[in-house]
Every structure is written in C-alpha cells, then in structure tokens.
Amino acid sequence: MLANQAPSPSQTDVLICLDNQQVASRIGTVLSQQGLTVLTIPTTGLQEWFEPNGCQLVVTHTAMIGQVRSRLNLPVVNIEAFIFDRPEHTTEGAARQFDGDAFVKRVFLVMNGGQRRAS
C-alpha cells in the first residue's frame, strides 16, 4: 500500500522515510509489487512516528540513518547503497542507476533475518 492509502500500523511491513516523495512512491511501488505493505513518511515526520506493529524495517538515506536508529528499534536499509554511477554515461540517459533487484533482495534478506538493533 502506498502512503495515500494510509495502512494501519499493524499492516505495515516497511516504513519508507524519504523527503523525495517521487522516489518514495517508486520504492513503495517496487516493494508493493513484491507483496509487501509500505507506508511512506517524510523525514520531518519521523519524530512523530511510532514503531508500528509488524513493521520489519525502515528504508531511508544516509543522512537519516542516525535519526531513524535513535527513534525506532528497526533495521535500516540505506537506499543510497543501491544507486550507482554509470561509467558509460555520456550525454544521454541518466548518470546514475538504481539497482532494484539488489535492493529487493536486501530488503527480504533483512526481513527474513528478523534481527532488531539492540537498545
């Protein structure tokens, strides 16, 4: 589910905490296609967020990892770890590329590991 459908906390598998709502929506779509329920919040909304029942991880970016870890006892997947420069980039196409397959594999690896951070 995407943020505009506002799943209840018990239905949320993955919390996406990104300010770029276009990117958050795309990530949410990718994860939803894999059968996961997602909720997106802007990084400014993190302080008001509570850890939902059933939520297994948070997807965010490097600058937010510390805040997420201090606020929520959930594993974090850093979206930036899956964005690569394209060495063959010239004037056409995007200079950077998102490795969606590796991202989805990592999300499921973390979820199946079931490890939470120590408090």
C-alpha atoms as a PDB file:
ATOM      1  CA  MET A   1       0.000   0.000   0.000  1.00  0.00           C
ATOM      2  CA  LEU A   2       1.151   3.493  -0.649  1.00  0.00           C
ATOM      3  CA  ALA A   3       1.037   6.369   1.805  1.00  0.00           C
ATOM      4  CA  ASN A   4      -2.130   7.886   0.384  1.00  0.00           C
ATOM      5  CA  GLN A   5      -3.973   4.704   1.340  1.00  0.00           C
ATOM      6  CA  ALA A   6      -2.691   5.009   4.946  1.00  0.00           C
ATOM      7  CA  PRO A   7      -2.463   1.423   6.104  1.00  0.00           C
ATOM      8  CA  SER A   8      -2.969   0.830   9.776  1.00  0.00           C
ATOM      9  CA  PRO A   9       0.279   0.336  11.690  1.00  0.00           C
ATOM     10  CA  SER A  10      -0.360  -3.388  12.063  1.00  0.00           C
ATOM     11  CA  GLN A  11      -0.463  -3.745   8.280  1.00  0.00           C
ATOM     12  CA  THR A  12       2.848  -2.056   7.557  1.00  0.00           C
ATOM     13  CA  ASP A  13       5.830  -4.257   6.623  1.00  0.00           C
ATOM     14  CA  VAL A  14       8.187  -1.468   5.546  1.00  0.00           C
ATOM     15  CA  LEU A  15       8.395   2.181   6.568  1.00  0.00           C
ATOM     16  CA  ILE A  16       9.898   4.411   3.862  1.00  0.00           C
ATOM     17  CA  CYS A  17      11.354   7.581   5.326  1.00  0.00           C
ATOM     18  CA  LEU A  18      12.399   9.850   2.447  1.00  0.00           C
ATOM     19  CA  ASP A  19      11.726  13.502   1.650  1.00  0.00           C
ATOM     20  CA  ASN A  20      11.651  12.984  -2.101  1.00  0.00           C
ATOM     21  CA  GLN A  21       8.094  11.723  -2.429  1.00  0.00           C
ATOM     22  CA  GLN A  22       8.565  10.743  -6.067  1.00  0.00           C
ATOM     23  CA  VAL A  23      11.402   8.394  -5.099  1.00  0.00           C
ATOM     24  CA  ALA A  24       9.474   7.172  -2.045  1.00  0.00           C
ATOM     25  CA  SER A  25       6.482   6.389  -4.246  1.00  0.00           C
ATOM     26  CA  ARG A  26       8.608   4.442  -6.724  1.00  0.00           C
ATOM     27  CA  ILE A  27      10.272   2.464  -3.944  1.00  0.00           C
ATOM     28  CA  GLY A  28       6.859   1.807  -2.414  1.00  0.00           C
ATOM     29  CA  THR A  29       5.575   0.534  -5.745  1.00  0.00           C
ATOM     30  CA  VAL A  30       8.535  -1.817  -6.161  1.00  0.00           C
ATOM     31  CA  LEU A  31       8.020  -3.247  -2.682  1.00  0.00           C
ATOM     32  CA  SER A  32       4.235  -3.461  -3.076  1.00  0.00           C
ATOM     33  CA  GLN A  33       4.714  -5.479  -6.258  1.00  0.00           C
ATOM     34  CA  GLN A  34       6.663  -7.950  -4.110  1.00  0.00           C
ATOM     35  CA  GLY A  35       3.664  -8.358  -1.798  1.00  0.00           C
ATOM     36  CA  LEU A  36       4.809  -6.038   0.989  1.00  0.00           C
ATOM     37  CA  THR A  37       2.755  -3.302   2.586  1.00  0.00           C
ATOM     38  CA  VAL A  38       4.529   0.016   2.852  1.00  0.00           C
ATOM     39  CA  LEU A  39       3.973   3.389   4.411  1.00  0.00           C
ATOM     40  CA  THR A  40       5.904   6.478   3.374  1.00  0.00           C
ATOM     41  CA  ILE A  41       6.595   9.434   5.622  1.00  0.00           C
ATOM     42  CA  PRO A  42       8.786  12.485   5.050  1.00  0.00           C
ATOM     43  CA  THR A  43      11.922  12.626   7.166  1.00  0.00           C
ATOM     44  CA  THR A  44      10.439  15.568   9.052  1.00  0.00           C
ATOM     45  CA  GLY A  45       7.606  13.308  10.224  1.00  0.00           C
ATOM     46  CA  LEU A  46       9.901  10.783  11.865  1.00  0.00           C
ATOM     47  CA  GLN A  47       9.802  12.420  15.304  1.00  0.00           C
ATOM     48  CA  GLU A  48       6.036  11.963  15.434  1.00  0.00           C
ATOM     49  CA  TRP A  49       6.163   8.370  14.218  1.00  0.00           C
ATOM     50  CA  PHE A  50       5.713   5.396  16.466  1.00  0.00           C
ATOM     51  CA  GLU A  51       7.055   1.959  15.676  1.00  0.00           C
ATOM     52  CA  PRO A  52       4.151   0.126  14.050  1.00  0.00           C
ATOM     53  CA  ASN A  53       3.305  -3.438  14.979  1.00  0.00           C
ATOM     54  CA  GLY A  54       4.570  -5.785  12.334  1.00  0.00           C
ATOM     55  CA  CYS A  55       6.895  -3.247  10.715  1.00  0.00           C
ATOM     56  CA  GLN A  56      10.109  -5.057   9.934  1.00  0.00           C
ATOM     57  CA  LEU A  57      12.419  -2.380   8.566  1.00  0.00           C
ATOM     58  CA  VAL A  58      12.910   1.212   7.519  1.00  0.00           C
ATOM     59  CA  VAL A  59      14.135   2.365   4.113  1.00  0.00           C
ATOM     60  CA  THR A  60      15.886   5.734   4.260  1.00  0.00           C
ATOM     61  CA  HIS A  61      19.031   7.540   3.065  1.00  0.00           C
ATOM     62  CA  THR A  62      22.449   8.019   4.630  1.00  0.00           C
ATOM     63  CA  ALA A  63      21.781  11.357   6.319  1.00  0.00           C
ATOM     64  CA  MET A  64      18.731   9.978   8.156  1.00  0.00           C
ATOM     65  CA  ILE A  65      20.131   6.684   9.445  1.00  0.00           C
ATOM     66  CA  GLY A  66      21.222   8.109  12.815  1.00  0.00           C
ATOM     67  CA  GLN A  67      17.845   9.713  13.462  1.00  0.00           C
ATOM     68  CA  VAL A  68      15.967   6.584  12.431  1.00  0.00           C
ATOM     69  CA  ARG A  69      18.099   4.405  14.693  1.00  0.00           C
ATOM     70  CA  SER A  70      17.690   6.761  17.639  1.00  0.00           C
ATOM     71  CA  ARG A  71      13.914   6.848  17.189  1.00  0.00           C
ATOM     72  CA  LEU A  72      12.983   3.322  16.064  1.00  0.00           C
ATOM     73  CA  ASN A  73      14.284  -0.101  17.025  1.00  0.00           C
ATOM     74  CA  LEU A  74      14.160  -1.393  13.461  1.00  0.00           C
ATOM     75  CA  PRO A  75      16.807  -2.436  10.951  1.00  0.00           C
ATOM     76  CA  VAL A  76      17.588   0.107   8.248  1.00  0.00           C
ATOM     77  CA  VAL A  77      18.144  -0.349   4.519  1.00  0.00           C
ATOM     78  CA  ASN A  78      20.046   2.587   3.020  1.00  0.00           C
ATOM     79  CA  ILE A  79      18.583   3.351  -0.405  1.00  0.00           C
ATOM     80  CA  GLU A  80      21.782   5.134  -1.440  1.00  0.00           C
ATOM     81  CA  ALA A  81      23.728   1.863  -1.296  1.00  0.00           C
ATOM     82  CA  PHE A  82      21.835   0.765  -4.415  1.00  0.00           C
ATOM     83  CA  ILE A  83      22.452   3.854  -6.557  1.00  0.00           C
ATOM     84  CA  PHE A  84      25.460   3.655  -8.824  1.00  0.00           C
ATOM     85  CA  ASP A  85      27.189   5.984 -11.253  1.00  0.00           C
ATOM     86  CA  ARG A  86      27.005   4.776 -14.814  1.00  0.00           C
ATOM     87  CA  PRO A  87      30.559   4.925 -16.217  1.00  0.00           C
ATOM     88  CA  GLU A  88      29.263   4.676 -19.786  1.00  0.00           C
ATOM     89  CA  HIS A  89      27.061   7.745 -19.262  1.00  0.00           C
ATOM     90  CA  THR A  90      27.671  10.435 -21.830  1.00  0.00           C
ATOM     91  CA  THR A  91      25.029  12.993 -22.695  1.00  0.00           C
ATOM     92  CA  GLU A  92      22.102  10.587 -22.998  1.00  0.00           C
ATOM     93  CA  GLY A  93      20.332   8.729 -20.254  1.00  0.00           C
ATOM     94  CA  ALA A  94      20.716   9.018 -16.532  1.00  0.00           C
ATOM     95  CA  ALA A  95      24.147   9.445 -14.979  1.00  0.00           C
ATOM     96  CA  ARG A  96      23.078   7.264 -12.065  1.00  0.00           C
ATOM     97  CA  GLN A  97      21.278   3.963 -11.917  1.00  0.00           C
ATOM     98  CA  PHE A  98      19.223   2.254  -9.198  1.00  0.00           C
ATOM     99  CA  ASP A  99      19.827  -1.479  -8.756  1.00  0.00           C
ATOM    100  CA  GLY A 100      16.256  -2.505  -7.963  1.00  0.00           C
ATOM    101  CA  ASP A 101      16.939  -6.241  -7.955  1.00  0.00           C
ATOM    102  CA  ALA A 102      19.719  -5.932  -5.378  1.00  0.00           C
ATOM    103  CA  PHE A 103      17.558  -3.570  -3.307  1.00  0.00           C
ATOM    104  CA  VAL A 104      14.619  -6.000  -3.169  1.00  0.00           C
ATOM    105  CA  LYS A 105      16.958  -8.880  -2.313  1.00  0.00           C
ATOM    106  CA  ARG A 106      18.440  -6.839   0.544  1.00  0.00           C
ATOM    107  CA  VAL A 107      15.013  -5.897   1.898  1.00  0.00           C
ATOM    108  CA  PHE A 108      13.945  -9.541   2.019  1.00  0.00           C
ATOM    109  CA  LEU A 109      17.295 -10.621   3.476  1.00  0.00           C
ATOM    110  CA  VAL A 110      16.936  -8.122   6.317  1.00  0.00           C
ATOM    111  CA  MET A 111      13.275  -9.007   6.868  1.00  0.00           C
ATOM    112  CA  ASN A 112      13.973 -12.740   6.937  1.00  0.00           C
ATOM    113  CA  GLY A 113      16.889 -12.225   9.311  1.00  0.00           C
ATOM    114  CA  GLY A 114      14.479 -10.808  11.854  1.00  0.00           C
ATOM    115  CA  GLN A 115      17.271  -9.011  13.666  1.00  0.00           C
ATOM    116  CA  ARG A 116      16.496  -5.833  15.524  1.00  0.00           C
ATOM    117  CA  ARG A 117      19.053  -3.435  16.831  1.00  0.00           C
ATOM    118  CA  ALA A 118      19.998  -3.788  20.460  1.00  0.00           C
ATOM    119  CA  SER A 119      18.509  -0.999  22.549  1.00  0.00           C
END
